[in-house]
C-alpha atoms as a PDB file:
ATOM      1  CA  MET A   1      -0.029  -0.012  -0.017  1.00  0.00           C
ATOM      2  CA  ALA A   2       1.341   3.482  -0.854  1.00  0.00           C
ATOM      3  CA  TYR A   3       1.678   6.377   1.550  1.00  0.00           C
ATOM      4  CA  ASP A   4       2.117  10.058   1.151  1.00  0.00           C
ATOM      5  CA  GLU A   5       5.841  10.433   0.712  1.00  0.00           C
ATOM      6  CA  GLY A   6       5.645  14.220   0.903  1.00  0.00           C
ATOM      7  CA  LEU A   7       4.174  13.979   4.386  1.00  0.00           C
ATOM      8  CA  ALA A   8       6.708  11.362   5.321  1.00  0.00           C
ATOM      9  CA  GLN A   9       9.514  13.720   4.335  1.00  0.00           C
ATOM     10  CA  ARG A  10       8.016  16.496   6.372  1.00  0.00           C
ATOM     11  CA  LEU A  11       8.044  14.172   9.395  1.00  0.00           C
ATOM     12  CA  ARG A  12      11.643  13.263   8.727  1.00  0.00           C
ATOM     13  CA  GLU A  13      12.745  16.798   8.527  1.00  0.00           C
ATOM     14  CA  ALA A  14      10.802  17.734  11.708  1.00  0.00           C
ATOM     15  CA  LEU A  15      12.057  14.865  13.654  1.00  0.00           C
ATOM     16  CA  ALA A  16      15.646  14.936  12.441  1.00  0.00           C
ATOM     17  CA  ASP A  17      17.027  16.194  15.771  1.00  0.00           C
ATOM     18  CA  GLU A  18      15.269  13.542  17.869  1.00  0.00           C
ATOM     19  CA  ASN A  19      17.589  11.045  19.570  1.00  0.00           C
ATOM     20  CA  GLY A  20      16.783   7.389  18.737  1.00  0.00           C
ATOM     21  CA  LEU A  21      14.784   8.102  15.568  1.00  0.00           C
ATOM     22  CA  SER A  22      14.249   5.222  13.266  1.00  0.00           C
ATOM     23  CA  GLU A  23      11.651   4.323  10.566  1.00  0.00           C
ATOM     24  CA  ARG A  24       9.732   1.074  10.072  1.00  0.00           C
ATOM     25  CA  ARG A  25       7.160  -0.038   7.644  1.00  0.00           C
ATOM     26  CA  MET A  26       3.986  -0.453   9.577  1.00  0.00           C
ATOM     27  CA  PHE A  27       0.191  -0.538   9.012  1.00  0.00           C
ATOM     28  CA  GLY A  28       0.759  -0.352   5.216  1.00  0.00           C
ATOM     29  CA  GLY A  29       2.606   2.956   5.591  1.00  0.00           C
ATOM     30  CA  ILE A  30       5.689   4.104   7.505  1.00  0.00           C
ATOM     31  CA  ALA A  31       6.116   4.646  11.313  1.00  0.00           C
ATOM     32  CA  PHE A  32       8.555   6.969  13.010  1.00  0.00           C
ATOM     33  CA  MET A  33       9.951   5.437  16.171  1.00  0.00           C
ATOM     34  CA  LEU A  34      11.749   7.055  19.000  1.00  0.00           C
ATOM     35  CA  ASP A  35      13.926   4.511  20.989  1.00  0.00           C
ATOM     36  CA  GLY A  36      11.725   1.758  19.476  1.00  0.00           C
ATOM     37  CA  ASN A  37       8.359   3.319  20.360  1.00  0.00           C
ATOM     38  CA  MET A  38       6.072   4.606  17.725  1.00  0.00           C
ATOM     39  CA  ALA A  39       5.379   8.283  17.950  1.00  0.00           C
ATOM     40  CA  VAL A  40       3.775   9.178  14.458  1.00  0.00           C
ATOM     41  CA  GLY A  41       3.570   7.677  11.000  1.00  0.00           C
ATOM     42  CA  VAL A  42       1.868   7.965   7.618  1.00  0.00           C
ATOM     43  CA  SER A  43      -0.905   5.661   6.330  1.00  0.00           C
ATOM     44  CA  ASN A  44      -2.203   6.387   2.872  1.00  0.00           C
ATOM     45  CA  ASP A  45      -2.394  10.285   2.985  1.00  0.00           C
ATOM     46  CA  GLU A  46      -3.236  10.531   6.688  1.00  0.00           C
ATOM     47  CA  LEU A  47      -0.995  11.139   9.753  1.00  0.00           C
ATOM     48  CA  MET A  48      -0.998   8.482  12.384  1.00  0.00           C
ATOM     49  CA  VAL A  49      -0.414   9.797  15.964  1.00  0.00           C
ATOM     50  CA  ARG A  50       0.061   7.681  18.983  1.00  0.00           C
ATOM     51  CA  ALA A  51      -1.432  10.018  21.532  1.00  0.00           C
ATOM     52  CA  GLY A  52      -1.664   7.625  24.366  1.00  0.00           C
ATOM     53  CA  PRO A  53      -4.665   6.974  26.604  1.00  0.00           C
ATOM     54  CA  ASP A  54      -4.269  10.161  28.714  1.00  0.00           C
ATOM     55  CA  ARG A  55      -4.455  12.558  25.682  1.00  0.00           C
ATOM     56  CA  PHE A  56      -6.713  10.426  23.478  1.00  0.00           C
ATOM     57  CA  ASP A  57      -9.893  12.458  23.972  1.00  0.00           C
ATOM     58  CA  GLU A  58      -7.939  15.693  23.517  1.00  0.00           C
ATOM     59  CA  ALA A  59      -6.513  14.370  20.287  1.00  0.00           C
ATOM     60  CA  LEU A  60     -10.041  13.268  18.951  1.00  0.00           C
ATOM     61  CA  ALA A  61     -11.426  16.726  19.723  1.00  0.00           C
ATOM     62  CA  ARG A  62      -8.982  18.342  17.390  1.00  0.00           C
ATOM     63  CA  PRO A  63     -10.156  19.210  13.779  1.00  0.00           C
ATOM     64  CA  HIS A  64      -9.715  16.382  11.157  1.00  0.00           C
ATOM     65  CA  ALA A  65      -8.984  13.759  13.676  1.00  0.00           C
ATOM     66  CA  ARG A  66     -10.677  10.372  13.988  1.00  0.00           C
ATOM     67  CA  ILE A  67     -10.021   7.029  15.773  1.00  0.00           C
ATOM     68  CA  PHE A  68      -7.379   4.916  14.066  1.00  0.00           C
ATOM     69  CA  ASP A  69      -9.415   1.759  13.148  1.00  0.00           C
ATOM     70  CA  MET A  70      -7.669  -1.248  11.608  1.00  0.00           C
ATOM     71  CA  SER A  71     -10.155  -3.408   9.933  1.00  0.00           C
ATOM     72  CA  GLY A  72     -12.879  -2.879  12.570  1.00  0.00           C
ATOM     73  CA  ARG A  73     -10.574  -2.841  15.501  1.00  0.00           C
ATOM     74  CA  PRO A  74     -10.313   0.674  16.960  1.00  0.00           C
ATOM     75  CA  MET A  75      -6.900   1.289  18.460  1.00  0.00           C
ATOM     76  CA  ASN A  76      -7.154   3.067  21.819  1.00  0.00           C
ATOM     77  CA  GLY A  77      -4.896   5.914  22.081  1.00  0.00           C
ATOM     78  CA  TRP A  78      -4.215   6.259  18.264  1.00  0.00           C
ATOM     79  CA  VAL A  79      -5.704   8.778  15.855  1.00  0.00           C
ATOM     80  CA  LEU A  80      -5.590   9.396  12.187  1.00  0.00           C
ATOM     81  CA  VAL A  81      -5.437  12.981  10.989  1.00  0.00           C
ATOM     82  CA  ALA A  82      -6.910  13.810   7.567  1.00  0.00           C
ATOM     83  CA  PRO A  83      -4.703  15.890   5.200  1.00  0.00           C
ATOM     84  CA  PRO A  84      -6.309  19.313   6.035  1.00  0.00           C
ATOM     85  CA  GLY A  85      -5.147  18.757   9.613  1.00  0.00           C
ATOM     86  CA  THR A  86      -1.422  18.621   8.603  1.00  0.00           C
ATOM     87  CA  ALA A  87      -1.469  21.096   5.792  1.00  0.00           C
ATOM     88  CA  ASP A  88      -0.152  23.918   7.994  1.00  0.00           C
ATOM     89  CA  ASP A  89       3.336  23.448   9.543  1.00  0.00           C
ATOM     90  CA  ALA A  90       2.128  24.736  12.957  1.00  0.00           C
ATOM     91  CA  ASP A  91      -0.717  22.243  12.943  1.00  0.00           C
ATOM     92  CA  LEU A  92       1.705  19.389  12.017  1.00  0.00           C
ATOM     93  CA  ALA A  93       4.075  20.510  14.761  1.00  0.00           C
ATOM     94  CA  GLY A  94       1.194  20.248  17.308  1.00  0.00           C
ATOM     95  CA  TRP A  95       0.539  16.690  16.258  1.00  0.00           C
ATOM     96  CA  LEU A  96       4.206  15.869  16.400  1.00  0.00           C
ATOM     97  CA  GLU A  97       4.417  17.232  20.018  1.00  0.00           C
ATOM     98  CA  LEU A  98       1.577  14.868  20.986  1.00  0.00           C
ATOM     99  CA  GLY A  99       3.125  11.812  19.386  1.00  0.00           C
ATOM    100  CA  VAL A 100       6.697  12.585  20.543  1.00  0.00           C
ATOM    101  CA  SER A 101       5.520  13.299  24.128  1.00  0.00           C
ATOM    102  CA  PHE A 102       3.893   9.952  24.402  1.00  0.00           C
ATOM    103  CA  ALA A 103       6.722   7.940  22.817  1.00  0.00           C
ATOM    104  CA  ARG A 104       9.151   9.689  25.164  1.00  0.00           C
ATOM    105  CA  SER A 105       7.042   8.628  28.227  1.00  0.00           C
ATOM    106  CA  LEU A 106       7.732   4.989  27.474  1.00  0.00           C
ATOM    107  CA  PRO A 107      10.819   3.066  28.372  1.00  0.00           C
ATOM    108  CA  PRO A 108      13.157   2.418  25.326  1.00  0.00           C
ATOM    109  CA  LYS A 109      12.863  -0.873  23.623  1.00  0.00           C
END
């Protein structure tokens, strides 16, 4: 399955200074990992954000966000953000903060 390479490149550039950054093919797209924990990724043309359980409701309340649902299995703590929600660099930065913050709260793998 293809994913939005332009969005993936924007994520690479925004996360370039993060320690422990790696990329992994996941969910038919690409995931950006920090010390082995997923923070964000791209699936088709949408941003995947691992918000975590404590900030999940906050994430869902943001414009253009919806529950990340893999084949009828909603993933608690994960959201997908439609392209209009990441078109602006400031909006993308807000989503990145959410995903990075959660990934950094977990022990390294």
